[in-house]
Amino acid sequence: MDRKEMAELIRMMKRQGVAEFTWETGGEGSKLKVRFEGAPGVVVAAAPGVTHLAPAAHAPAPVAVVPVADGRLIKAPIVGTFYRSPSPEAKPYVNVGDTVRKGQVVCIIEAMKLMNQIESDVEGVVTEILIENGQPVQFGQELIRLAPR
């Protein structure tokens, strides 16, 4: 993993609310430990250890809602996998034509085995769902189009 990839991974974990991350490069190699409490701290040391990920308290991810000419777009606040429902058997959170309230969960994005509920911060009517269930999404990718209510 190069420095650019590592920096992006650290930024993504910070956005996800990960409290601590330890990465080891095999055997007795270098160990990287990152803590996200207030100001992030990075410690690099040579020591064996177990790689682990400790998630912080799980809260809904903030949502980027962007106004557009014919409504608003809800964009992915994180990189991950898009899911329309909490489980394969469950009904989708929203469908085209549904009215969405402020604070209502509209989808889930799974990132690093954490299920992040994505809430709308505006009211509106779903006019289009722009991504298929189970598909990967990028940061800032358009997910759902809402018409003003």
N, C-alpha and C. Protein backbone atom coordinates (compact mmCIF):
# COMPACT_ATOMS: atom_id res chain seq x y z
N MET A 1 0.86 -1.16 0.00
CA MET A 1 0.00 0.00 0.00
C MET A 1 0.91 1.23 0.00
N ASP A 2 0.68 2.15 -0.93
CA ASP A 2 1.52 3.35 -0.98
C ASP A 2 0.95 4.44 -0.07
N ARG A 3 1.68 5.54 0.06
CA ARG A 3 1.27 6.61 0.98
C ARG A 3 -0.07 7.22 0.62
N LYS A 4 -0.33 7.38 -0.67
CA LYS A 4 -1.60 7.97 -1.12
C LYS A 4 -2.77 7.08 -0.72
N GLU A 5 -2.63 5.76 -0.94
CA GLU A 5 -3.68 4.82 -0.56
C GLU A 5 -3.87 4.80 0.95
N MET A 6 -2.78 4.84 1.71
CA MET A 6 -2.87 4.85 3.16
C MET A 6 -3.57 6.12 3.66
N ALA A 7 -3.23 7.26 3.08
CA ALA A 7 -3.86 8.52 3.48
C ALA A 7 -5.36 8.49 3.20
N GLU A 8 -5.76 7.94 2.06
CA GLU A 8 -7.18 7.83 1.72
C GLU A 8 -7.89 6.88 2.68
N LEU A 9 -7.25 5.77 3.03
CA LEU A 9 -7.82 4.82 3.98
C LEU A 9 -8.04 5.49 5.34
N ILE A 10 -7.06 6.26 5.80
CA ILE A 10 -7.18 6.94 7.09
C ILE A 10 -8.30 7.97 7.05
N ARG A 11 -8.40 8.75 5.95
CA ARG A 11 -9.49 9.74 5.82
C ARG A 11 -10.85 9.04 5.85
N MET A 12 -10.98 7.91 5.14
CA MET A 12 -12.24 7.19 5.11
C MET A 12 -12.61 6.66 6.50
N MET A 13 -11.62 6.11 7.22
CA MET A 13 -11.90 5.60 8.57
C MET A 13 -12.34 6.72 9.50
N LYS A 14 -11.71 7.88 9.38
CA LYS A 14 -12.08 9.01 10.23
C LYS A 14 -13.52 9.43 9.95
N ARG A 15 -13.89 9.48 8.66
CA ARG A 15 -15.27 9.84 8.30
C ARG A 15 -16.25 8.80 8.81
N GLN A 16 -15.85 7.52 8.87
CA GLN A 16 -16.70 6.42 9.30
C GLN A 16 -16.91 6.40 10.81
N GLY A 17 -16.08 7.12 11.55
CA GLY A 17 -16.19 7.11 13.00
C GLY A 17 -15.39 6.00 13.65
N VAL A 18 -14.38 5.48 12.95
CA VAL A 18 -13.52 4.45 13.54
C VAL A 18 -12.69 5.10 14.64
N ALA A 19 -12.63 4.48 15.80
CA ALA A 19 -11.91 5.04 16.93
C ALA A 19 -10.42 4.74 16.88
N GLU A 20 -10.07 3.54 16.42
CA GLU A 20 -8.67 3.15 16.40
C GLU A 20 -8.46 2.10 15.32
N PHE A 21 -7.27 2.15 14.72
CA PHE A 21 -6.92 1.22 13.64
C PHE A 21 -5.46 0.86 13.79
N THR A 22 -5.16 -0.44 13.73
CA THR A 22 -3.77 -0.90 13.77
C THR A 22 -3.52 -1.73 12.53
N TRP A 23 -2.39 -1.46 11.84
CA TRP A 23 -2.04 -2.19 10.63
C TRP A 23 -0.60 -2.65 10.74
N GLU A 24 -0.37 -3.93 10.45
CA GLU A 24 0.96 -4.49 10.54
C GLU A 24 1.33 -5.11 9.21
N THR A 25 2.57 -4.93 8.80
CA THR A 25 3.04 -5.47 7.52
C THR A 25 3.73 -6.80 7.71
N GLY A 26 3.06 -7.78 8.24
CA GLY A 26 3.55 -9.14 8.35
C GLY A 26 4.72 -9.35 9.30
N GLY A 27 4.72 -10.51 9.94
CA GLY A 27 5.83 -10.91 10.82
C GLY A 27 6.23 -9.84 11.81
N GLU A 28 7.52 -9.51 11.79
CA GLU A 28 8.06 -8.53 12.72
C GLU A 28 8.27 -7.19 12.04
N GLY A 29 7.43 -6.88 11.08
CA GLY A 29 7.54 -5.64 10.32
C GLY A 29 7.06 -4.44 11.11
N SER A 30 6.90 -3.35 10.44
CA SER A 30 6.42 -2.11 11.06
C SER A 30 4.96 -2.22 11.43
N LYS A 31 4.60 -1.47 12.42
CA LYS A 31 3.22 -1.45 12.90
C LYS A 31 2.75 0.00 12.86
N LEU A 32 1.58 0.24 12.30
CA LEU A 32 1.01 1.57 12.24
C LEU A 32 -0.25 1.57 13.08
N LYS A 33 -0.34 2.52 14.01
CA LYS A 33 -1.51 2.62 14.86
C LYS A 33 -2.05 4.03 14.75
N VAL A 34 -3.35 4.15 14.47
CA VAL A 34 -3.98 5.45 14.30
C VAL A 34 -5.15 5.54 15.27
N ARG A 35 -5.24 6.62 16.02
CA ARG A 35 -6.35 6.88 16.93
C ARG A 35 -7.06 8.14 16.52
N PHE A 36 -8.39 8.12 16.53
CA PHE A 36 -9.18 9.28 16.13
C PHE A 36 -9.97 9.81 17.33
N GLU A 37 -9.29 10.34 18.30
CA GLU A 37 -9.93 10.94 19.47
C GLU A 37 -9.54 12.40 19.49
N GLY A 38 -10.46 13.30 19.23
CA GLY A 38 -10.11 14.71 19.13
C GLY A 38 -9.19 14.89 17.95
N ALA A 39 -7.95 15.25 18.20
CA ALA A 39 -6.95 15.38 17.13
C ALA A 39 -6.38 14.00 16.86
N PRO A 40 -6.35 13.55 15.59
CA PRO A 40 -5.81 12.24 15.30
C PRO A 40 -4.33 12.14 15.66
N GLY A 41 -3.93 10.99 16.17
CA GLY A 41 -2.52 10.76 16.45
C GLY A 41 -2.05 9.53 15.72
N VAL A 42 -0.84 9.53 15.24
CA VAL A 42 -0.29 8.38 14.53
C VAL A 42 0.98 7.94 15.24
N VAL A 43 1.08 6.66 15.53
CA VAL A 43 2.26 6.10 16.16
C VAL A 43 2.79 5.00 15.25
N VAL A 44 4.08 5.03 14.94
CA VAL A 44 4.69 3.98 14.13
C VAL A 44 5.77 3.33 14.98
N ALA A 45 5.70 1.99 15.10
CA ALA A 45 6.68 1.29 15.91
C ALA A 45 6.88 -0.11 15.36
N ALA A 46 8.03 -0.70 15.62
CA ALA A 46 8.28 -2.08 15.20
C ALA A 46 7.90 -2.99 16.35
N ALA A 47 6.84 -3.77 16.16
CA ALA A 47 6.40 -4.69 17.19
C ALA A 47 5.38 -5.64 16.62
N PRO A 48 5.37 -6.90 17.06
CA PRO A 48 4.33 -7.81 16.60
C PRO A 48 3.01 -7.46 17.29
N GLY A 49 1.92 -7.81 16.68
CA GLY A 49 0.62 -7.53 17.28
C GLY A 49 -0.49 -8.03 16.39
N VAL A 50 -1.69 -7.85 16.83
CA VAL A 50 -2.86 -8.29 16.10
C VAL A 50 -3.49 -7.09 15.42
N THR A 51 -3.81 -7.25 14.16
CA THR A 51 -4.50 -6.19 13.45
C THR A 51 -5.96 -6.19 13.90
N HIS A 52 -6.45 -5.02 14.28
CA HIS A 52 -7.84 -4.93 14.71
C HIS A 52 -8.43 -3.59 14.32
N LEU A 53 -9.74 -3.53 14.35
CA LEU A 53 -10.48 -2.33 14.02
C LEU A 53 -11.50 -2.14 15.11
N ALA A 54 -11.49 -1.00 15.77
CA ALA A 54 -12.42 -0.75 16.86
C ALA A 54 -13.35 0.38 16.47
N PRO A 55 -14.60 0.08 16.10
CA PRO A 55 -15.51 1.14 15.70
C PRO A 55 -15.96 1.97 16.90
N ALA A 56 -16.17 3.25 16.67
CA ALA A 56 -16.70 4.14 17.69
C ALA A 56 -18.20 3.88 17.79
N ALA A 57 -18.88 4.61 18.67
CA ALA A 57 -20.32 4.48 18.78
C ALA A 57 -20.93 4.67 17.40
N HIS A 58 -21.83 3.77 17.03
CA HIS A 58 -22.38 3.77 15.67
C HIS A 58 -23.52 4.76 15.57
N ALA A 59 -23.35 5.79 14.76
CA ALA A 59 -24.38 6.79 14.54
C ALA A 59 -24.61 6.92 13.05
N PRO A 60 -25.80 7.38 12.64
CA PRO A 60 -26.04 7.55 11.22
C PRO A 60 -25.03 8.51 10.60
N ALA A 61 -24.63 8.18 9.39
CA ALA A 61 -23.66 9.02 8.68
C ALA A 61 -24.33 10.30 8.20
N PRO A 62 -23.60 11.42 8.19
CA PRO A 62 -24.17 12.64 7.65
C PRO A 62 -24.39 12.48 6.15
N VAL A 63 -25.39 13.16 5.64
CA VAL A 63 -25.75 13.02 4.24
C VAL A 63 -25.50 14.34 3.51
N ALA A 64 -24.96 14.20 2.32
CA ALA A 64 -24.80 15.37 1.47
C ALA A 64 -26.03 15.48 0.60
N VAL A 65 -26.81 16.53 0.76
CA VAL A 65 -27.98 16.78 -0.08
C VAL A 65 -27.67 17.99 -0.91
N VAL A 66 -27.75 17.83 -2.23
CA VAL A 66 -27.37 18.89 -3.15
C VAL A 66 -28.60 19.34 -3.92
N PRO A 67 -28.92 20.67 -3.92
CA PRO A 67 -30.04 21.12 -4.71
C PRO A 67 -29.73 21.01 -6.20
N VAL A 68 -30.71 20.58 -6.99
CA VAL A 68 -30.59 20.55 -8.44
C VAL A 68 -31.83 21.19 -9.02
N ALA A 69 -31.81 21.46 -10.31
CA ALA A 69 -32.91 22.19 -10.95
C ALA A 69 -34.27 21.56 -10.68
N ASP A 70 -34.38 20.24 -10.72
CA ASP A 70 -35.69 19.60 -10.54
C ASP A 70 -35.81 18.87 -9.20
N GLY A 71 -35.11 19.31 -8.20
CA GLY A 71 -35.22 18.70 -6.89
C GLY A 71 -33.90 18.71 -6.15
N ARG A 72 -33.67 17.68 -5.34
CA ARG A 72 -32.44 17.55 -4.56
C ARG A 72 -31.87 16.16 -4.75
N LEU A 73 -30.55 16.07 -4.67
CA LEU A 73 -29.87 14.79 -4.77
C LEU A 73 -29.29 14.42 -3.42
N ILE A 74 -29.52 13.19 -2.99
CA ILE A 74 -28.84 12.67 -1.81
C ILE A 74 -27.62 11.94 -2.34
N LYS A 75 -26.44 12.35 -1.85
CA LYS A 75 -25.18 11.77 -2.32
C LYS A 75 -24.56 10.92 -1.22
N ALA A 76 -23.74 9.97 -1.64
CA ALA A 76 -23.06 9.07 -0.69
C ALA A 76 -22.04 9.86 0.13
N PRO A 77 -22.16 9.82 1.46
CA PRO A 77 -21.18 10.51 2.31
C PRO A 77 -19.92 9.68 2.54
N ILE A 78 -19.95 8.41 2.09
CA ILE A 78 -18.82 7.50 2.29
C ILE A 78 -18.71 6.54 1.12
N VAL A 79 -17.60 5.85 1.03
CA VAL A 79 -17.39 4.79 0.04
C VAL A 79 -17.89 3.49 0.64
N GLY A 80 -18.58 2.67 -0.15
CA GLY A 80 -19.04 1.39 0.37
C GLY A 80 -19.99 0.70 -0.58
N THR A 81 -20.86 -0.12 -0.03
CA THR A 81 -21.85 -0.86 -0.81
C THR A 81 -23.24 -0.36 -0.44
N PHE A 82 -24.04 0.00 -1.45
CA PHE A 82 -25.37 0.57 -1.28
C PHE A 82 -26.41 -0.53 -1.07
N TYR A 83 -27.24 -0.37 -0.04
CA TYR A 83 -28.35 -1.29 0.18
C TYR A 83 -29.61 -0.48 0.41
N ARG A 84 -30.70 -0.91 -0.23
CA ARG A 84 -31.99 -0.21 -0.11
C ARG A 84 -32.77 -0.63 1.12
N SER A 85 -32.42 -1.77 1.74
CA SER A 85 -33.17 -2.27 2.89
C SER A 85 -32.20 -2.82 3.94
N PRO A 86 -32.70 -2.99 5.18
CA PRO A 86 -31.83 -3.49 6.26
C PRO A 86 -31.43 -4.95 6.12
N SER A 87 -32.18 -5.74 5.33
CA SER A 87 -31.84 -7.14 5.08
C SER A 87 -32.45 -7.54 3.74
N PRO A 88 -31.98 -8.64 3.15
CA PRO A 88 -32.51 -9.04 1.84
C PRO A 88 -34.01 -9.31 1.83
N GLU A 89 -34.57 -9.75 2.96
CA GLU A 89 -35.99 -10.07 3.03
C GLU A 89 -36.86 -8.85 3.35
N ALA A 90 -36.26 -7.79 3.86
CA ALA A 90 -37.02 -6.61 4.31
C ALA A 90 -37.42 -5.71 3.14
N LYS A 91 -38.46 -4.90 3.39
CA LYS A 91 -38.89 -3.92 2.39
C LYS A 91 -37.83 -2.83 2.29
N PRO A 92 -37.70 -2.21 1.10
CA PRO A 92 -36.77 -1.08 0.95
C PRO A 92 -37.17 0.07 1.86
N TYR A 93 -36.19 0.85 2.30
CA TYR A 93 -36.47 2.03 3.12
C TYR A 93 -37.36 3.00 2.37
N VAL A 94 -37.06 3.25 1.08
CA VAL A 94 -37.87 4.15 0.26
C VAL A 94 -38.00 3.60 -1.15
N ASN A 95 -39.11 3.95 -1.79
CA ASN A 95 -39.37 3.61 -3.18
C ASN A 95 -39.71 4.89 -3.92
N VAL A 96 -39.67 4.85 -5.24
CA VAL A 96 -40.07 5.99 -6.05
C VAL A 96 -41.52 6.33 -5.70
N GLY A 97 -41.78 7.61 -5.45
CA GLY A 97 -43.12 8.07 -5.09
C GLY A 97 -43.32 8.24 -3.60
N ASP A 98 -42.44 7.68 -2.78
CA ASP A 98 -42.56 7.82 -1.32
C ASP A 98 -42.20 9.23 -0.88
N THR A 99 -42.88 9.69 0.17
CA THR A 99 -42.54 10.96 0.79
C THR A 99 -41.50 10.69 1.87
N VAL A 100 -40.44 11.47 1.86
CA VAL A 100 -39.34 11.32 2.82
C VAL A 100 -39.37 12.49 3.79
N ARG A 101 -39.27 12.19 5.07
CA ARG A 101 -39.22 13.21 6.11
C ARG A 101 -37.76 13.49 6.48
N LYS A 102 -37.52 14.65 7.01
CA LYS A 102 -36.18 14.99 7.50
C LYS A 102 -35.81 14.02 8.62
N GLY A 103 -34.61 13.43 8.54
CA GLY A 103 -34.15 12.47 9.55
C GLY A 103 -34.53 11.03 9.26
N GLN A 104 -35.29 10.78 8.21
CA GLN A 104 -35.70 9.43 7.86
C GLN A 104 -34.55 8.69 7.18
N VAL A 105 -34.34 7.43 7.56
CA VAL A 105 -33.32 6.60 6.92
C VAL A 105 -33.81 6.28 5.50
N VAL A 106 -32.93 6.51 4.51
CA VAL A 106 -33.30 6.26 3.12
C VAL A 106 -32.54 5.08 2.51
N CYS A 107 -31.42 4.68 3.12
CA CYS A 107 -30.65 3.54 2.63
C CYS A 107 -29.56 3.21 3.65
N ILE A 108 -28.77 2.20 3.33
CA ILE A 108 -27.61 1.82 4.13
C ILE A 108 -26.41 1.77 3.20
N ILE A 109 -25.27 2.22 3.69
CA ILE A 109 -24.02 2.00 2.97
C ILE A 109 -23.12 1.20 3.90
N GLU A 110 -22.74 0.01 3.43
CA GLU A 110 -21.83 -0.84 4.20
C GLU A 110 -20.40 -0.45 3.85
N ALA A 111 -19.62 -0.17 4.87
CA ALA A 111 -18.21 0.15 4.68
C ALA A 111 -17.42 -0.56 5.77
N MET A 112 -16.48 -1.38 5.37
CA MET A 112 -15.61 -2.10 6.30
C MET A 112 -16.43 -2.88 7.33
N LYS A 113 -17.46 -3.57 6.86
CA LYS A 113 -18.34 -4.42 7.66
C LYS A 113 -19.19 -3.63 8.66
N LEU A 114 -19.26 -2.31 8.52
CA LEU A 114 -20.14 -1.50 9.34
C LEU A 114 -21.31 -1.05 8.49
N MET A 115 -22.52 -1.20 9.02
CA MET A 115 -23.72 -0.76 8.31
C MET A 115 -24.04 0.66 8.75
N ASN A 116 -23.93 1.60 7.81
CA ASN A 116 -24.15 3.02 8.09
C ASN A 116 -25.50 3.45 7.54
N GLN A 117 -26.42 3.79 8.44
CA GLN A 117 -27.73 4.26 8.01
C GLN A 117 -27.58 5.68 7.47
N ILE A 118 -28.10 5.91 6.28
CA ILE A 118 -28.03 7.22 5.66
C ILE A 118 -29.40 7.87 5.80
N GLU A 119 -29.42 9.04 6.47
CA GLU A 119 -30.66 9.76 6.72
C GLU A 119 -30.76 10.96 5.80
N SER A 120 -31.98 11.32 5.45
CA SER A 120 -32.21 12.52 4.65
C SER A 120 -32.24 13.72 5.60
N ASP A 121 -31.66 14.82 5.16
CA ASP A 121 -31.75 16.02 5.99
C ASP A 121 -32.72 17.04 5.40
N VAL A 122 -33.54 16.58 4.45
CA VAL A 122 -34.59 17.42 3.86
C VAL A 122 -35.84 16.57 3.65
N GLU A 123 -36.97 17.26 3.44
CA GLU A 123 -38.20 16.57 3.08
C GLU A 123 -38.36 16.60 1.58
N GLY A 124 -39.05 15.61 1.04
CA GLY A 124 -39.30 15.58 -0.38
C GLY A 124 -39.93 14.27 -0.80
N VAL A 125 -40.16 14.14 -2.10
CA VAL A 125 -40.74 12.94 -2.67
C VAL A 125 -39.67 12.28 -3.55
N VAL A 126 -39.48 10.98 -3.36
CA VAL A 126 -38.48 10.25 -4.13
C VAL A 126 -38.94 10.18 -5.58
N THR A 127 -38.12 10.75 -6.48
CA THR A 127 -38.45 10.70 -7.91
C THR A 127 -37.59 9.69 -8.66
N GLU A 128 -36.41 9.36 -8.08
CA GLU A 128 -35.53 8.42 -8.77
C GLU A 128 -34.52 7.84 -7.78
N ILE A 129 -34.28 6.54 -7.90
CA ILE A 129 -33.21 5.89 -7.15
C ILE A 129 -32.14 5.58 -8.19
N LEU A 130 -30.98 6.20 -8.02
CA LEU A 130 -29.97 6.25 -9.08
C LEU A 130 -28.94 5.12 -9.04
N ILE A 131 -29.03 4.22 -8.07
CA ILE A 131 -28.04 3.14 -7.94
C ILE A 131 -28.78 1.85 -7.63
N GLU A 132 -28.27 0.75 -8.13
CA GLU A 132 -28.89 -0.56 -7.90
C GLU A 132 -28.49 -1.10 -6.53
N ASN A 133 -29.39 -1.86 -5.94
CA ASN A 133 -29.13 -2.49 -4.65
C ASN A 133 -27.91 -3.41 -4.74
N GLY A 134 -27.02 -3.30 -3.74
CA GLY A 134 -25.85 -4.17 -3.68
C GLY A 134 -24.66 -3.68 -4.50
N GLN A 135 -24.78 -2.52 -5.13
CA GLN A 135 -23.70 -2.00 -5.97
C GLN A 135 -22.74 -1.14 -5.14
N PRO A 136 -21.47 -1.12 -5.51
CA PRO A 136 -20.51 -0.25 -4.82
C PRO A 136 -20.77 1.21 -5.16
N VAL A 137 -20.53 2.09 -4.19
CA VAL A 137 -20.68 3.53 -4.40
C VAL A 137 -19.40 4.24 -3.98
N GLN A 138 -19.15 5.36 -4.60
CA GLN A 138 -18.00 6.21 -4.29
C GLN A 138 -18.45 7.40 -3.46
N PHE A 139 -17.54 8.02 -2.78
CA PHE A 139 -17.83 9.23 -2.02
C PHE A 139 -18.41 10.28 -2.97
N GLY A 140 -19.53 10.87 -2.62
CA GLY A 140 -20.14 11.91 -3.42
C GLY A 140 -21.00 11.41 -4.57
N GLN A 141 -21.12 10.10 -4.75
CA GLN A 141 -21.93 9.56 -5.84
C GLN A 141 -23.41 9.82 -5.56
N GLU A 142 -24.14 10.19 -6.59
CA GLU A 142 -25.56 10.47 -6.45
C GLU A 142 -26.32 9.17 -6.21
N LEU A 143 -27.19 9.17 -5.18
CA LEU A 143 -27.93 7.97 -4.81
C LEU A 143 -29.42 8.09 -5.09
N ILE A 144 -30.03 9.18 -4.58
CA ILE A 144 -31.47 9.33 -4.64
C ILE A 144 -31.80 10.76 -5.01
N ARG A 145 -32.79 10.91 -5.91
CA ARG A 145 -33.27 12.25 -6.32
C ARG A 145 -34.62 12.49 -5.62
N LEU A 146 -34.76 13.65 -4.97
CA LEU A 146 -35.99 14.04 -4.30
C LEU A 146 -36.55 15.28 -4.98
N ALA A 147 -37.87 15.31 -5.12
CA ALA A 147 -38.55 16.51 -5.58
C ALA A 147 -39.01 17.28 -4.34
N PRO A 148 -39.01 18.61 -4.40
CA PRO A 148 -39.49 19.38 -3.25
C PRO A 148 -40.92 18.99 -2.93
N ARG A 149 -41.25 19.09 -1.67
CA ARG A 149 -42.58 18.73 -1.19
C ARG A 149 -43.48 19.92 -1.17
